[in-house]
Amino acid sequence: MKTNRFIALIVGVGLMLPSAFAANKDMVALQTQVQALQDQIARLQQSNDERFGAMRSLLEQNTDTLNRLANSLDAVSHSLQTTTTDQGGKIDQVSAQVQSLHDSVDELKARLAKVSKQLDDMAAAQQNLQAAPQPGQPGVTNPQQPPQAAAPPPDVLYNNALSDYNGAKYNLASQEFADYIKYYGNTDLAGNAQYYIADIEYKQGNYQQAVQDYDKVIEQYPSGNKASAAQLKKAYALINIDQRDAGIRELRSLIARYPRSLEAQQAKERLRSLGASTTASKPSPTRR
């Protein structure tokens, strides 16, 4: 009897071994596939990290170069302030050249901001790839509905407007600068866009409207790099519409607000040409 039970046990174990062996083989194969997939993901992540690192390094280098250029421009402006006091009409020419350099810096800043945003978008897309909503889920746009027209990217819109301004396509440039303010009114270049709108009006002889739009630059963007230039051109526009006293007050205000600016030097030269002092004279004391 015991012999028969032992034989039955051996037979049962023998029947179970192939099934267990097959299950173990499938498990090993599955683990191998999972490991291979994990290795591929790790290599992809490493490749993306290297690419992001290289692009970040390039962006930082460009930013450093831009900062050095801005510092050089400030040094040039300061040097001009101390050496061009007696140069008369040459100041306007030098000011235009410096302003052109500042415009180039603005364009570089816009391009660097675009590159930085693209890097951030790429990183965010990589992180949220697995969480992307499928068609039919809430928040997914119906493909049958045509998408609304989107505004051009800020750097593209601003650079196009500036290019048309420099090419004397004033009507087109004015509309593009207005669109920039409409869509990107809170960016650093919004004050520049408002300045160029006023400057186009000034170039076209619409001095009254130019005064109002220069005021917008001064009041809405007082810390922008066009504030002093806007106040100078506002004074010129006032003088051109025979508001001489108001223009003189504006020139004196500019000198008081931005005493170290190149525009302040130009304001002093214009006051001298008008036969006016650079500061308002104090009223004489009343005699009793």
Protein backbone atom coordinates (compact mmCIF):
# COMPACT_ATOMS: atom_id res chain seq x y z
CA MET A 1 0.00 0.00 0.00
CA LYS A 2 2.76 2.47 0.91
CA THR A 3 4.58 1.61 -2.27
CA ASN A 4 1.51 2.46 -4.34
CA ARG A 5 1.10 5.87 -2.60
CA PHE A 6 4.77 6.70 -3.19
CA ILE A 7 4.46 5.84 -6.86
CA ALA A 8 1.33 8.01 -7.15
CA LEU A 9 3.13 10.95 -5.51
CA ILE A 10 6.05 10.67 -7.92
CA VAL A 11 3.68 10.55 -10.86
CA GLY A 12 1.82 13.68 -9.61
CA VAL A 13 5.02 15.65 -9.18
CA GLY A 14 6.15 14.60 -12.61
CA LEU A 15 2.91 15.89 -14.13
CA MET A 16 3.27 19.28 -12.38
CA LEU A 17 6.90 19.91 -13.38
CA PRO A 18 6.29 20.70 -17.10
CA SER A 19 3.53 23.19 -16.21
CA ALA A 20 5.68 24.95 -13.61
CA PHE A 21 8.64 25.00 -15.95
CA ALA A 22 6.54 26.54 -18.74
CA ALA A 23 5.16 29.23 -16.40
CA ASN A 24 8.64 30.07 -15.17
CA LYS A 25 9.89 30.30 -18.76
CA ASP A 26 7.11 32.76 -19.67
CA MET A 27 7.89 34.85 -16.59
CA VAL A 28 11.56 35.03 -17.52
CA ALA A 29 10.69 36.10 -21.06
CA LEU A 30 8.33 38.79 -19.77
CA GLN A 31 10.94 40.09 -17.35
CA THR A 32 13.47 40.20 -20.19
CA GLN A 33 11.10 42.26 -22.34
CA VAL A 34 10.32 44.64 -19.47
CA GLN A 35 14.04 45.10 -18.79
CA ALA A 36 14.71 45.80 -22.46
CA LEU A 37 11.92 48.38 -22.51
CA GLN A 38 13.27 50.04 -19.37
CA ASP A 39 16.73 50.18 -20.93
CA GLN A 40 15.30 51.88 -24.04
CA ILE A 41 13.44 54.43 -21.94
CA ALA A 42 16.58 55.14 -19.92
CA ARG A 43 18.62 55.67 -23.10
CA LEU A 44 15.92 57.96 -24.52
CA GLN A 45 15.79 59.95 -21.29
CA GLN A 46 19.58 60.26 -21.26
CA SER A 47 19.59 61.41 -24.89
CA ASN A 48 16.90 64.02 -24.20
CA ASP A 49 18.71 65.22 -21.08
CA GLU A 50 21.91 65.67 -23.09
CA ARG A 51 20.06 67.59 -25.80
CA PHE A 52 18.31 69.82 -23.25
CA GLY A 53 21.60 70.39 -21.49
CA ALA A 54 23.35 71.43 -24.68
CA MET A 55 20.53 73.79 -25.64
CA ARG A 56 20.44 75.29 -22.14
CA SER A 57 24.19 75.84 -22.29
CA LEU A 58 23.90 77.59 -25.66
CA LEU A 59 21.05 79.74 -24.33
CA GLU A 60 23.09 80.75 -21.28
CA GLN A 61 26.05 81.66 -23.49
CA ASN A 62 23.85 83.81 -25.70
CA THR A 63 22.33 85.45 -22.65
CA ASP A 64 25.79 86.26 -21.28
CA THR A 65 26.78 87.73 -24.64
CA LEU A 66 23.62 89.81 -24.69
CA ASN A 67 24.27 91.12 -21.19
CA ARG A 68 27.81 92.10 -22.14
CA LEU A 69 26.46 93.90 -25.20
CA ALA A 70 23.92 95.77 -23.09
CA ASN A 71 26.63 96.79 -20.63
CA SER A 72 28.79 97.99 -23.52
CA LEU A 73 25.90 100.07 -24.82
CA ASP A 74 25.44 101.65 -21.40
CA ALA A 75 29.14 102.47 -21.30
CA VAL A 76 28.96 104.02 -24.78
CA SER A 77 25.93 106.08 -23.77
CA HIS A 78 27.68 107.30 -20.63
CA SER A 79 30.79 108.19 -22.62
CA LEU A 80 28.71 110.08 -25.15
CA GLN A 81 27.03 112.07 -22.40
CA THR A 82 30.39 113.43 -21.24
CA THR A 83 31.95 114.04 -24.66
CA THR A 84 29.17 115.33 -26.91
CA THR A 85 27.88 118.31 -24.97
CA ASP A 86 29.34 120.80 -27.48
CA GLN A 87 28.78 118.78 -30.61
CA GLY A 88 25.47 120.40 -31.55
CA GLY A 89 23.72 118.63 -34.40
CA LYS A 90 25.96 115.56 -34.19
CA ILE A 91 24.14 114.45 -31.04
CA ASP A 92 20.99 113.59 -32.99
CA GLN A 93 22.97 111.38 -35.36
CA VAL A 94 24.78 109.60 -32.53
CA SER A 95 21.52 109.16 -30.65
CA ALA A 96 19.95 107.48 -33.68
CA GLN A 97 22.90 105.09 -33.91
CA VAL A 98 22.66 104.21 -30.22
CA GLN A 99 18.92 103.74 -30.53
CA SER A 100 19.48 101.37 -33.44
CA LEU A 101 21.80 99.32 -31.27
CA HIS A 102 19.19 99.21 -28.52
CA ASP A 103 16.64 97.99 -31.05
CA SER A 104 19.01 95.18 -32.04
CA VAL A 105 19.35 94.22 -28.38
CA ASP A 106 15.57 94.15 -28.06
CA GLU A 107 15.35 91.79 -31.02
CA LEU A 108 17.97 89.49 -29.50
CA LYS A 109 16.09 89.45 -26.21
CA ALA A 110 12.89 88.47 -27.99
CA ARG A 111 14.64 85.64 -29.83
CA LEU A 112 16.27 84.32 -26.67
CA ALA A 113 12.92 84.41 -24.90
CA LYS A 114 11.44 82.35 -27.74
CA VAL A 115 14.21 79.74 -27.49
CA SER A 116 13.75 79.53 -23.72
CA LYS A 117 9.99 79.05 -24.11
CA GLN A 118 10.54 76.31 -26.70
CA LEU A 119 12.83 74.46 -24.30
CA ASP A 120 10.26 74.72 -21.52
CA ASP A 121 7.51 73.49 -23.85
CA MET A 122 9.61 70.53 -24.97
CA ALA A 123 10.34 69.54 -21.39
CA ALA A 124 6.68 69.87 -20.40
CA ALA A 125 5.56 67.84 -23.42
CA GLN A 126 7.97 65.06 -22.53
CA GLN A 127 6.71 64.92 -18.94
CA ASN A 128 3.04 64.95 -19.93
CA LEU A 129 3.28 62.60 -22.90
CA GLN A 130 1.68 59.69 -21.07
CA ALA A 131 -1.06 61.93 -19.64
CA ALA A 132 -2.18 63.31 -22.99
CA PRO A 133 -6.03 63.24 -23.28
CA GLN A 134 -7.55 60.97 -25.88
CA PRO A 135 -10.21 62.06 -28.41
CA GLY A 136 -13.64 62.21 -26.82
CA GLN A 137 -12.35 63.11 -23.36
CA PRO A 138 -13.28 66.46 -21.73
CA GLY A 139 -11.04 69.32 -22.80
CA VAL A 140 -10.25 67.86 -26.24
CA THR A 141 -11.19 70.13 -29.14
CA ASN A 142 -13.75 68.71 -31.52
CA PRO A 143 -11.84 68.09 -34.76
CA GLN A 144 -14.94 69.09 -36.73
CA GLN A 145 -14.80 72.64 -35.32
CA PRO A 146 -12.30 74.89 -37.17
CA PRO A 147 -9.73 76.41 -34.78
CA GLN A 148 -9.73 80.17 -34.30
CA ALA A 149 -6.86 82.13 -35.81
CA ALA A 150 -4.10 82.65 -33.24
CA ALA A 151 -1.87 85.69 -32.93
CA PRO A 152 1.69 85.31 -34.24
CA PRO A 153 4.37 84.64 -31.61
CA PRO A 154 5.44 87.88 -29.88
CA ASP A 155 8.98 87.95 -31.29
CA VAL A 156 7.76 87.29 -34.83
CA LEU A 157 5.11 90.00 -34.62
CA TYR A 158 7.49 92.57 -33.08
CA ASN A 159 10.37 91.86 -35.48
CA ASN A 160 8.04 92.07 -38.50
CA ALA A 161 6.72 95.40 -37.26
CA LEU A 162 10.22 96.74 -36.64
CA SER A 163 11.37 95.58 -40.07
CA ASP A 164 8.43 97.34 -41.74
CA TYR A 165 9.13 100.48 -39.66
CA ASN A 166 12.76 100.54 -40.78
CA GLY A 167 11.58 99.97 -44.35
CA ALA A 168 9.28 103.03 -44.12
CA LYS A 169 6.15 100.84 -44.44
CA TYR A 170 4.56 102.97 -41.76
CA ASN A 171 0.90 102.03 -42.11
CA LEU A 172 1.66 98.31 -41.96
CA ALA A 173 4.16 98.76 -39.12
CA SER A 174 1.68 100.83 -37.12
CA GLN A 175 -0.96 98.10 -37.38
CA GLU A 176 1.56 95.41 -36.39
CA PHE A 177 2.74 97.39 -33.38
CA ALA A 178 -0.91 97.93 -32.38
CA ASP A 179 -1.51 94.17 -32.64
CA TYR A 180 1.54 93.55 -30.47
CA ILE A 181 0.15 95.80 -27.74
CA LYS A 182 -3.26 94.14 -28.09
CA TYR A 183 -1.95 90.58 -27.63
CA TYR A 184 1.24 91.14 -25.63
CA GLY A 185 0.64 94.37 -23.72
CA ASN A 186 2.36 93.07 -20.56
CA THR A 187 5.71 92.18 -22.15
CA ASP A 188 8.93 94.19 -21.96
CA LEU A 189 8.66 95.33 -25.58
CA ALA A 190 5.11 96.70 -25.31
CA GLY A 191 6.47 100.15 -24.42
CA ASN A 192 8.73 100.04 -27.49
CA ALA A 193 5.75 99.18 -29.68
CA GLN A 194 3.77 102.13 -28.29
CA TYR A 195 6.77 104.42 -28.87
CA TYR A 196 7.04 103.41 -32.53
CA ILE A 197 3.32 104.01 -33.07
CA ALA A 198 3.81 107.57 -31.81
CA ASP A 199 7.03 107.97 -33.80
CA ILE A 200 5.27 106.97 -37.02
CA GLU A 201 2.68 109.66 -36.37
CA TYR A 202 5.48 112.15 -35.73
CA LYS A 203 7.21 111.22 -39.01
CA GLN A 204 3.92 111.65 -40.85
CA GLY A 205 3.42 115.13 -39.37
CA ASN A 206 0.49 114.13 -37.14
CA TYR A 207 2.03 115.91 -34.16
CA GLN A 208 -1.12 116.28 -32.04
CA GLN A 209 -1.82 112.54 -32.07
CA ALA A 210 1.87 111.84 -31.58
CA VAL A 211 1.84 113.87 -28.36
CA GLN A 212 -0.99 111.74 -27.00
CA ASP A 213 0.71 108.46 -27.90
CA TYR A 214 4.10 109.59 -26.56
CA ASP A 215 2.21 110.31 -23.33
CA LYS A 216 1.09 106.68 -23.22
CA VAL A 217 4.72 105.55 -23.29
CA ILE A 218 5.65 107.96 -20.49
CA GLU A 219 2.66 107.14 -18.29
CA GLN A 220 2.15 103.41 -18.93
CA TYR A 221 5.79 102.33 -19.35
CA PRO A 222 7.82 104.77 -17.22
CA SER A 223 10.60 102.24 -16.57
CA GLY A 224 10.91 101.16 -20.22
CA ASN A 225 13.93 102.02 -22.31
CA LYS A 226 11.85 104.33 -24.56
CA ALA A 227 10.44 106.57 -21.82
CA SER A 228 13.11 109.28 -22.09
CA ALA A 229 13.05 109.20 -25.91
CA ALA A 230 9.25 109.49 -25.85
CA GLN A 231 9.39 112.58 -23.62
CA LEU A 232 12.01 114.19 -25.88
CA LYS A 233 9.95 113.59 -29.02
CA LYS A 234 6.82 114.76 -27.23
CA ALA A 235 8.56 118.07 -26.53
CA TYR A 236 9.60 118.36 -30.19
CA ALA A 237 6.02 117.67 -31.29
CA LEU A 238 4.66 120.34 -28.95
CA ILE A 239 7.11 122.87 -30.36
CA ASN A 240 6.09 121.89 -33.90
CA ILE A 241 2.43 122.73 -33.15
CA ASP A 242 3.41 126.13 -31.74
CA GLN A 243 3.12 125.13 -28.09
CA ARG A 244 6.60 126.45 -27.34
CA ASP A 245 6.18 126.95 -23.61
CA ALA A 246 4.73 123.46 -23.12
CA GLY A 247 7.61 122.03 -25.15
CA ILE A 248 10.17 123.86 -23.02
CA ARG A 249 8.54 122.58 -19.82
CA GLU A 250 8.69 119.04 -21.20
CA LEU A 251 12.38 119.40 -22.06
CA ARG A 252 13.17 120.66 -18.57
CA SER A 253 11.15 117.82 -17.04
CA LEU A 254 13.12 115.34 -19.13
CA ILE A 255 16.43 116.74 -17.87
CA ALA A 256 15.21 116.49 -14.28
CA ARG A 257 13.86 112.93 -14.63
CA TYR A 258 16.68 111.45 -16.72
CA PRO A 259 19.69 113.69 -16.05
CA ARG A 260 22.28 111.14 -17.22
CA SER A 261 20.51 110.08 -20.41
CA LEU A 262 21.57 110.97 -23.92
CA GLU A 263 18.12 112.48 -24.43
CA ALA A 264 18.84 114.91 -21.60
CA GLN A 265 21.88 116.17 -23.52
CA GLN A 266 19.72 116.61 -26.61
CA ALA A 267 17.11 118.46 -24.54
CA LYS A 268 19.78 120.88 -23.28
CA GLU A 269 20.94 121.57 -26.84
CA ARG A 270 17.38 122.21 -27.98
CA LEU A 271 16.75 124.58 -25.08
CA ARG A 272 19.91 126.53 -25.95
CA SER A 273 18.76 126.79 -29.57
CA LEU A 274 15.43 128.17 -28.31
CA GLY A 275 17.22 130.69 -26.10
CA ALA A 276 15.80 129.11 -22.94
CA SER A 277 17.58 127.99 -19.79
CA THR A 278 17.80 124.33 -18.85
CA THR A 279 16.00 124.96 -15.57
CA ALA A 280 12.99 127.09 -14.78
CA SER A 281 13.93 130.40 -13.22
CA LYS A 282 12.78 130.90 -9.65
CA PRO A 283 10.25 133.72 -9.16
CA SER A 284 11.74 136.82 -7.60
CA PRO A 285 10.59 137.51 -4.03
CA THR A 286 7.69 139.93 -3.69
CA ARG A 287 8.72 143.30 -2.37
CA ARG A 288 6.72 144.69 0.48
